[in-house]
Amino acid sequence: MLLVAVLLTLKQLLKGFMTLFPMVGVFASYEARFSLWTNCRQIPIVMLTMVPMFAVIKFTQNYLGTAASLACGWAVYLTAMIPVFRSLYADTRPDAGETAAMQ
């Protein structure tokens, strides 16, 4: 709780100079100290799927406007992310189909 209060005080003192990303990194590193593998395996996946999203937003913003550009970017992101998450979290045990059928 003290950590959150200190960060909010620093944010107020810096008058918006600190962006959201470093603050999220502080919380993520604190929470990841016991589950580093769980957090670190997601970073390359998110980075690789966000590159097409940013490219679509950058190249369509002048033609479509901000809102439509963001919508197109999120559509591209989800299109890239869903297959990755399905393969990453697929239940690959040999008896997985039998267990699901029994329930």
N, C-alpha and C. Protein backbone atom coordinates (compact mmCIF):
# COMPACT_ATOMS: atom_id res chain seq x y z
N MET A 1 0.82 -1.19 0.00
CA MET A 1 0.00 0.00 0.00
C MET A 1 0.87 1.26 0.00
N LEU A 2 1.96 1.20 0.72
CA LEU A 2 2.87 2.33 0.77
C LEU A 2 3.48 2.60 -0.60
N LEU A 3 3.78 1.52 -1.33
CA LEU A 3 4.34 1.66 -2.67
C LEU A 3 3.39 2.41 -3.59
N VAL A 4 2.12 2.10 -3.52
CA VAL A 4 1.12 2.78 -4.36
C VAL A 4 1.03 4.26 -3.99
N ALA A 5 1.06 4.56 -2.71
CA ALA A 5 0.99 5.96 -2.27
C ALA A 5 2.20 6.75 -2.74
N VAL A 6 3.38 6.15 -2.65
CA VAL A 6 4.60 6.83 -3.11
C VAL A 6 4.54 7.09 -4.61
N LEU A 7 4.11 6.09 -5.37
CA LEU A 7 4.03 6.27 -6.82
C LEU A 7 3.02 7.34 -7.21
N LEU A 8 1.88 7.37 -6.53
CA LEU A 8 0.89 8.40 -6.83
C LEU A 8 1.40 9.79 -6.46
N THR A 9 2.15 9.89 -5.37
CA THR A 9 2.73 11.18 -4.98
C THR A 9 3.76 11.63 -6.02
N LEU A 10 4.60 10.71 -6.46
CA LEU A 10 5.59 11.06 -7.48
C LEU A 10 4.92 11.48 -8.77
N LYS A 11 3.85 10.80 -9.11
CA LYS A 11 3.14 11.15 -10.34
C LYS A 11 2.58 12.57 -10.26
N GLN A 12 2.07 12.93 -9.11
CA GLN A 12 1.53 14.28 -8.93
C GLN A 12 2.65 15.33 -8.98
N LEU A 13 3.78 15.02 -8.36
CA LEU A 13 4.89 15.97 -8.35
C LEU A 13 5.49 16.17 -9.74
N LEU A 14 5.49 15.12 -10.55
CA LEU A 14 6.08 15.22 -11.88
C LEU A 14 5.15 15.87 -12.90
N LYS A 15 3.91 16.13 -12.52
CA LYS A 15 2.93 16.83 -13.36
C LYS A 15 2.73 16.17 -14.72
N GLY A 16 2.58 14.84 -14.73
CA GLY A 16 2.32 14.13 -15.97
C GLY A 16 3.56 13.76 -16.75
N PHE A 17 4.74 14.02 -16.22
CA PHE A 17 5.97 13.68 -16.94
C PHE A 17 6.15 12.18 -17.03
N MET A 18 5.78 11.47 -15.98
CA MET A 18 5.91 10.01 -15.98
C MET A 18 4.73 9.41 -16.75
N THR A 19 5.04 8.58 -17.69
CA THR A 19 3.98 7.94 -18.46
C THR A 19 3.46 6.72 -17.72
N LEU A 20 2.46 6.09 -18.27
CA LEU A 20 1.85 4.93 -17.62
C LEU A 20 2.77 3.71 -17.65
N PHE A 21 3.55 3.55 -18.70
CA PHE A 21 4.34 2.32 -18.86
C PHE A 21 5.32 2.07 -17.72
N PRO A 22 6.10 3.06 -17.26
CA PRO A 22 7.01 2.76 -16.14
C PRO A 22 6.29 2.38 -14.86
N MET A 23 5.13 2.98 -14.62
CA MET A 23 4.39 2.64 -13.41
C MET A 23 3.89 1.20 -13.49
N VAL A 24 3.43 0.79 -14.64
CA VAL A 24 2.98 -0.59 -14.81
C VAL A 24 4.15 -1.54 -14.64
N GLY A 25 5.33 -1.14 -15.11
CA GLY A 25 6.52 -1.98 -14.97
C GLY A 25 6.91 -2.19 -13.52
N VAL A 26 6.71 -1.18 -12.69
CA VAL A 26 7.02 -1.32 -11.26
C VAL A 26 6.11 -2.35 -10.62
N PHE A 27 4.82 -2.25 -10.88
CA PHE A 27 3.89 -3.23 -10.30
C PHE A 27 4.13 -4.63 -10.87
N ALA A 28 4.38 -4.72 -12.16
CA ALA A 28 4.60 -6.02 -12.77
C ALA A 28 5.85 -6.69 -12.24
N SER A 29 6.93 -5.94 -12.07
CA SER A 29 8.16 -6.54 -11.55
C SER A 29 7.99 -6.96 -10.10
N TYR A 30 7.24 -6.21 -9.33
CA TYR A 30 6.99 -6.60 -7.93
C TYR A 30 6.16 -7.87 -7.85
N GLU A 31 5.14 -7.96 -8.68
CA GLU A 31 4.27 -9.14 -8.66
C GLU A 31 4.91 -10.35 -9.32
N ALA A 32 5.88 -10.14 -10.19
CA ALA A 32 6.49 -11.25 -10.93
C ALA A 32 7.63 -11.90 -10.20
N ARG A 33 7.92 -11.48 -9.02
CA ARG A 33 9.11 -12.01 -8.35
C ARG A 33 9.00 -13.51 -8.05
N PHE A 34 7.80 -14.04 -7.94
CA PHE A 34 7.64 -15.47 -7.70
C PHE A 34 7.13 -16.24 -8.92
N SER A 35 6.73 -15.53 -9.96
CA SER A 35 6.22 -16.20 -11.15
C SER A 35 6.81 -15.57 -12.40
N LEU A 36 8.12 -15.53 -12.47
CA LEU A 36 8.79 -14.85 -13.56
C LEU A 36 8.51 -15.50 -14.91
N TRP A 37 8.49 -16.81 -14.97
CA TRP A 37 8.26 -17.51 -16.23
C TRP A 37 6.87 -17.19 -16.79
N THR A 38 5.89 -17.12 -15.95
CA THR A 38 4.53 -16.83 -16.40
C THR A 38 4.45 -15.46 -17.08
N ASN A 39 5.12 -14.48 -16.53
CA ASN A 39 5.09 -13.14 -17.12
C ASN A 39 6.01 -13.00 -18.32
N CYS A 40 7.19 -13.61 -18.24
CA CYS A 40 8.17 -13.42 -19.31
C CYS A 40 7.80 -14.15 -20.60
N ARG A 41 7.04 -15.21 -20.53
CA ARG A 41 6.68 -15.89 -21.78
C ARG A 41 5.67 -15.09 -22.59
N GLN A 42 4.98 -14.14 -21.94
CA GLN A 42 3.99 -13.33 -22.65
C GLN A 42 4.61 -12.14 -23.38
N ILE A 43 5.76 -11.67 -22.92
CA ILE A 43 6.34 -10.45 -23.48
C ILE A 43 6.65 -10.57 -24.97
N PRO A 44 7.32 -11.62 -25.44
CA PRO A 44 7.58 -11.70 -26.89
C PRO A 44 6.30 -11.84 -27.71
N ILE A 45 5.32 -12.52 -27.16
CA ILE A 45 4.05 -12.70 -27.88
C ILE A 45 3.35 -11.35 -28.04
N VAL A 46 3.27 -10.60 -26.97
CA VAL A 46 2.61 -9.30 -27.03
C VAL A 46 3.38 -8.36 -27.95
N MET A 47 4.70 -8.38 -27.87
CA MET A 47 5.49 -7.49 -28.73
C MET A 47 5.32 -7.83 -30.20
N LEU A 48 5.31 -9.10 -30.54
CA LEU A 48 5.17 -9.49 -31.94
C LEU A 48 3.78 -9.22 -32.49
N THR A 49 2.77 -9.31 -31.66
CA THR A 49 1.42 -9.06 -32.15
C THR A 49 1.05 -7.57 -32.13
N MET A 50 1.78 -6.77 -31.36
CA MET A 50 1.48 -5.34 -31.33
C MET A 50 2.14 -4.58 -32.48
N VAL A 51 3.19 -5.12 -33.07
CA VAL A 51 3.85 -4.44 -34.19
C VAL A 51 2.88 -4.25 -35.36
N PRO A 52 2.14 -5.29 -35.79
CA PRO A 52 1.17 -5.04 -36.87
C PRO A 52 0.07 -4.06 -36.47
N MET A 53 -0.32 -4.09 -35.20
CA MET A 53 -1.34 -3.16 -34.73
C MET A 53 -0.86 -1.71 -34.86
N PHE A 54 0.35 -1.45 -34.40
CA PHE A 54 0.90 -0.10 -34.49
C PHE A 54 1.08 0.34 -35.94
N ALA A 55 1.49 -0.58 -36.80
CA ALA A 55 1.69 -0.24 -38.21
C ALA A 55 0.37 0.14 -38.86
N VAL A 56 -0.68 -0.63 -38.57
CA VAL A 56 -2.00 -0.33 -39.15
C VAL A 56 -2.50 1.02 -38.64
N ILE A 57 -2.33 1.28 -37.35
CA ILE A 57 -2.78 2.57 -36.80
C ILE A 57 -2.02 3.72 -37.44
N LYS A 58 -0.72 3.57 -37.60
CA LYS A 58 0.09 4.66 -38.17
C LYS A 58 -0.28 4.95 -39.61
N PHE A 59 -0.45 3.90 -40.40
CA PHE A 59 -0.68 4.11 -41.84
C PHE A 59 -2.13 4.40 -42.21
N THR A 60 -3.07 4.14 -41.32
CA THR A 60 -4.48 4.43 -41.65
C THR A 60 -5.03 5.66 -40.96
N GLN A 61 -4.30 6.24 -40.02
CA GLN A 61 -4.84 7.35 -39.26
C GLN A 61 -5.12 8.59 -40.12
N ASN A 62 -4.27 8.89 -41.07
CA ASN A 62 -4.51 10.06 -41.92
C ASN A 62 -5.70 9.88 -42.84
N TYR A 63 -6.02 8.65 -43.21
CA TYR A 63 -7.11 8.39 -44.15
C TYR A 63 -8.44 8.13 -43.46
N LEU A 64 -8.41 7.43 -42.33
CA LEU A 64 -9.65 7.01 -41.68
C LEU A 64 -10.02 7.83 -40.45
N GLY A 65 -9.07 8.53 -39.88
CA GLY A 65 -9.32 9.23 -38.63
C GLY A 65 -8.86 8.38 -37.45
N THR A 66 -8.87 8.99 -36.28
CA THR A 66 -8.33 8.32 -35.11
C THR A 66 -9.17 7.12 -34.67
N ALA A 67 -10.46 7.30 -34.55
CA ALA A 67 -11.31 6.23 -34.03
C ALA A 67 -11.31 5.02 -34.95
N ALA A 68 -11.49 5.23 -36.23
CA ALA A 68 -11.51 4.10 -37.17
C ALA A 68 -10.14 3.45 -37.26
N SER A 69 -9.09 4.25 -37.16
CA SER A 69 -7.74 3.70 -37.20
C SER A 69 -7.48 2.81 -35.99
N LEU A 70 -7.92 3.25 -34.81
CA LEU A 70 -7.77 2.41 -33.61
C LEU A 70 -8.59 1.13 -33.72
N ALA A 71 -9.78 1.24 -34.27
CA ALA A 71 -10.61 0.04 -34.44
C ALA A 71 -9.95 -0.95 -35.40
N CYS A 72 -9.40 -0.46 -36.48
CA CYS A 72 -8.68 -1.34 -37.41
C CYS A 72 -7.45 -1.96 -36.76
N GLY A 73 -6.74 -1.16 -35.97
CA GLY A 73 -5.56 -1.67 -35.27
C GLY A 73 -5.91 -2.77 -34.29
N TRP A 74 -6.99 -2.58 -33.53
CA TRP A 74 -7.40 -3.62 -32.59
C TRP A 74 -7.88 -4.87 -33.32
N ALA A 75 -8.53 -4.70 -34.45
CA ALA A 75 -8.95 -5.86 -35.23
C ALA A 75 -7.74 -6.68 -35.70
N VAL A 76 -6.72 -5.99 -36.15
CA VAL A 76 -5.49 -6.68 -36.57
C VAL A 76 -4.82 -7.35 -35.38
N TYR A 77 -4.78 -6.67 -34.24
CA TYR A 77 -4.17 -7.23 -33.04
C TYR A 77 -4.88 -8.51 -32.60
N LEU A 78 -6.20 -8.46 -32.54
CA LEU A 78 -6.95 -9.65 -32.12
C LEU A 78 -6.83 -10.78 -33.13
N THR A 79 -6.78 -10.42 -34.41
CA THR A 79 -6.59 -11.44 -35.45
C THR A 79 -5.25 -12.14 -35.28
N ALA A 80 -4.23 -11.41 -34.89
CA ALA A 80 -2.92 -12.01 -34.68
C ALA A 80 -2.82 -12.72 -33.33
N MET A 81 -3.51 -12.22 -32.31
CA MET A 81 -3.36 -12.73 -30.96
C MET A 81 -4.16 -14.00 -30.68
N ILE A 82 -5.34 -14.11 -31.23
CA ILE A 82 -6.20 -15.27 -30.92
C ILE A 82 -5.56 -16.59 -31.31
N PRO A 83 -5.01 -16.75 -32.52
CA PRO A 83 -4.36 -18.03 -32.82
C PRO A 83 -3.16 -18.34 -31.93
N VAL A 84 -2.43 -17.31 -31.55
CA VAL A 84 -1.27 -17.52 -30.68
C VAL A 84 -1.73 -18.01 -29.31
N PHE A 85 -2.76 -17.39 -28.75
CA PHE A 85 -3.24 -17.82 -27.45
C PHE A 85 -3.88 -19.20 -27.50
N ARG A 86 -4.56 -19.51 -28.58
CA ARG A 86 -5.15 -20.86 -28.68
C ARG A 86 -4.08 -21.93 -28.69
N SER A 87 -3.02 -21.70 -29.45
CA SER A 87 -1.96 -22.71 -29.50
C SER A 87 -1.15 -22.72 -28.21
N LEU A 88 -1.01 -21.59 -27.55
CA LEU A 88 -0.24 -21.53 -26.32
C LEU A 88 -0.95 -22.22 -25.17
N TYR A 89 -2.25 -22.04 -25.09
CA TYR A 89 -3.00 -22.60 -23.96
C TYR A 89 -3.80 -23.84 -24.33
N ALA A 90 -3.49 -24.43 -25.45
CA ALA A 90 -4.19 -25.65 -25.85
C ALA A 90 -3.82 -26.78 -24.89
N ASP A 91 -4.79 -27.59 -24.58
CA ASP A 91 -4.55 -28.73 -23.70
C ASP A 91 -4.01 -29.87 -24.56
N THR A 92 -2.74 -30.15 -24.43
CA THR A 92 -2.09 -31.13 -25.30
C THR A 92 -1.91 -32.49 -24.65
N ARG A 93 -2.55 -32.72 -23.52
CA ARG A 93 -2.45 -34.03 -22.90
C ARG A 93 -3.18 -35.06 -23.75
N PRO A 94 -2.71 -36.30 -23.78
CA PRO A 94 -3.36 -37.32 -24.61
C PRO A 94 -4.79 -37.61 -24.18
N ASP A 95 -5.10 -37.51 -22.90
CA ASP A 95 -6.45 -37.82 -22.43
C ASP A 95 -7.34 -36.59 -22.29
N ALA A 96 -6.95 -35.48 -22.86
CA ALA A 96 -7.69 -34.24 -22.69
C ALA A 96 -9.10 -34.34 -23.28
N GLY A 97 -9.23 -34.97 -24.42
CA GLY A 97 -10.53 -35.11 -25.05
C GLY A 97 -11.46 -36.01 -24.24
N GLU A 98 -10.91 -37.06 -23.68
CA GLU A 98 -11.72 -37.97 -22.86
C GLU A 98 -12.20 -37.30 -21.58
N THR A 99 -11.33 -36.50 -20.97
CA THR A 99 -11.69 -35.81 -19.74
C THR A 99 -12.79 -34.79 -20.00
N ALA A 100 -12.68 -34.08 -21.10
CA ALA A 100 -13.70 -33.08 -21.43
C ALA A 100 -15.03 -33.74 -21.77
N ALA A 101 -15.01 -34.91 -22.39
CA ALA A 101 -16.23 -35.61 -22.74
C ALA A 101 -16.93 -36.17 -21.50
N MET A 102 -16.15 -36.52 -20.50
CA MET A 102 -16.74 -37.10 -19.28
C MET A 102 -17.43 -36.05 -18.44
N GLN A 103 -17.04 -34.80 -18.56
CA GLN A 103 -17.64 -33.76 -17.74
C GLN A 103 -18.92 -33.35 -18.39
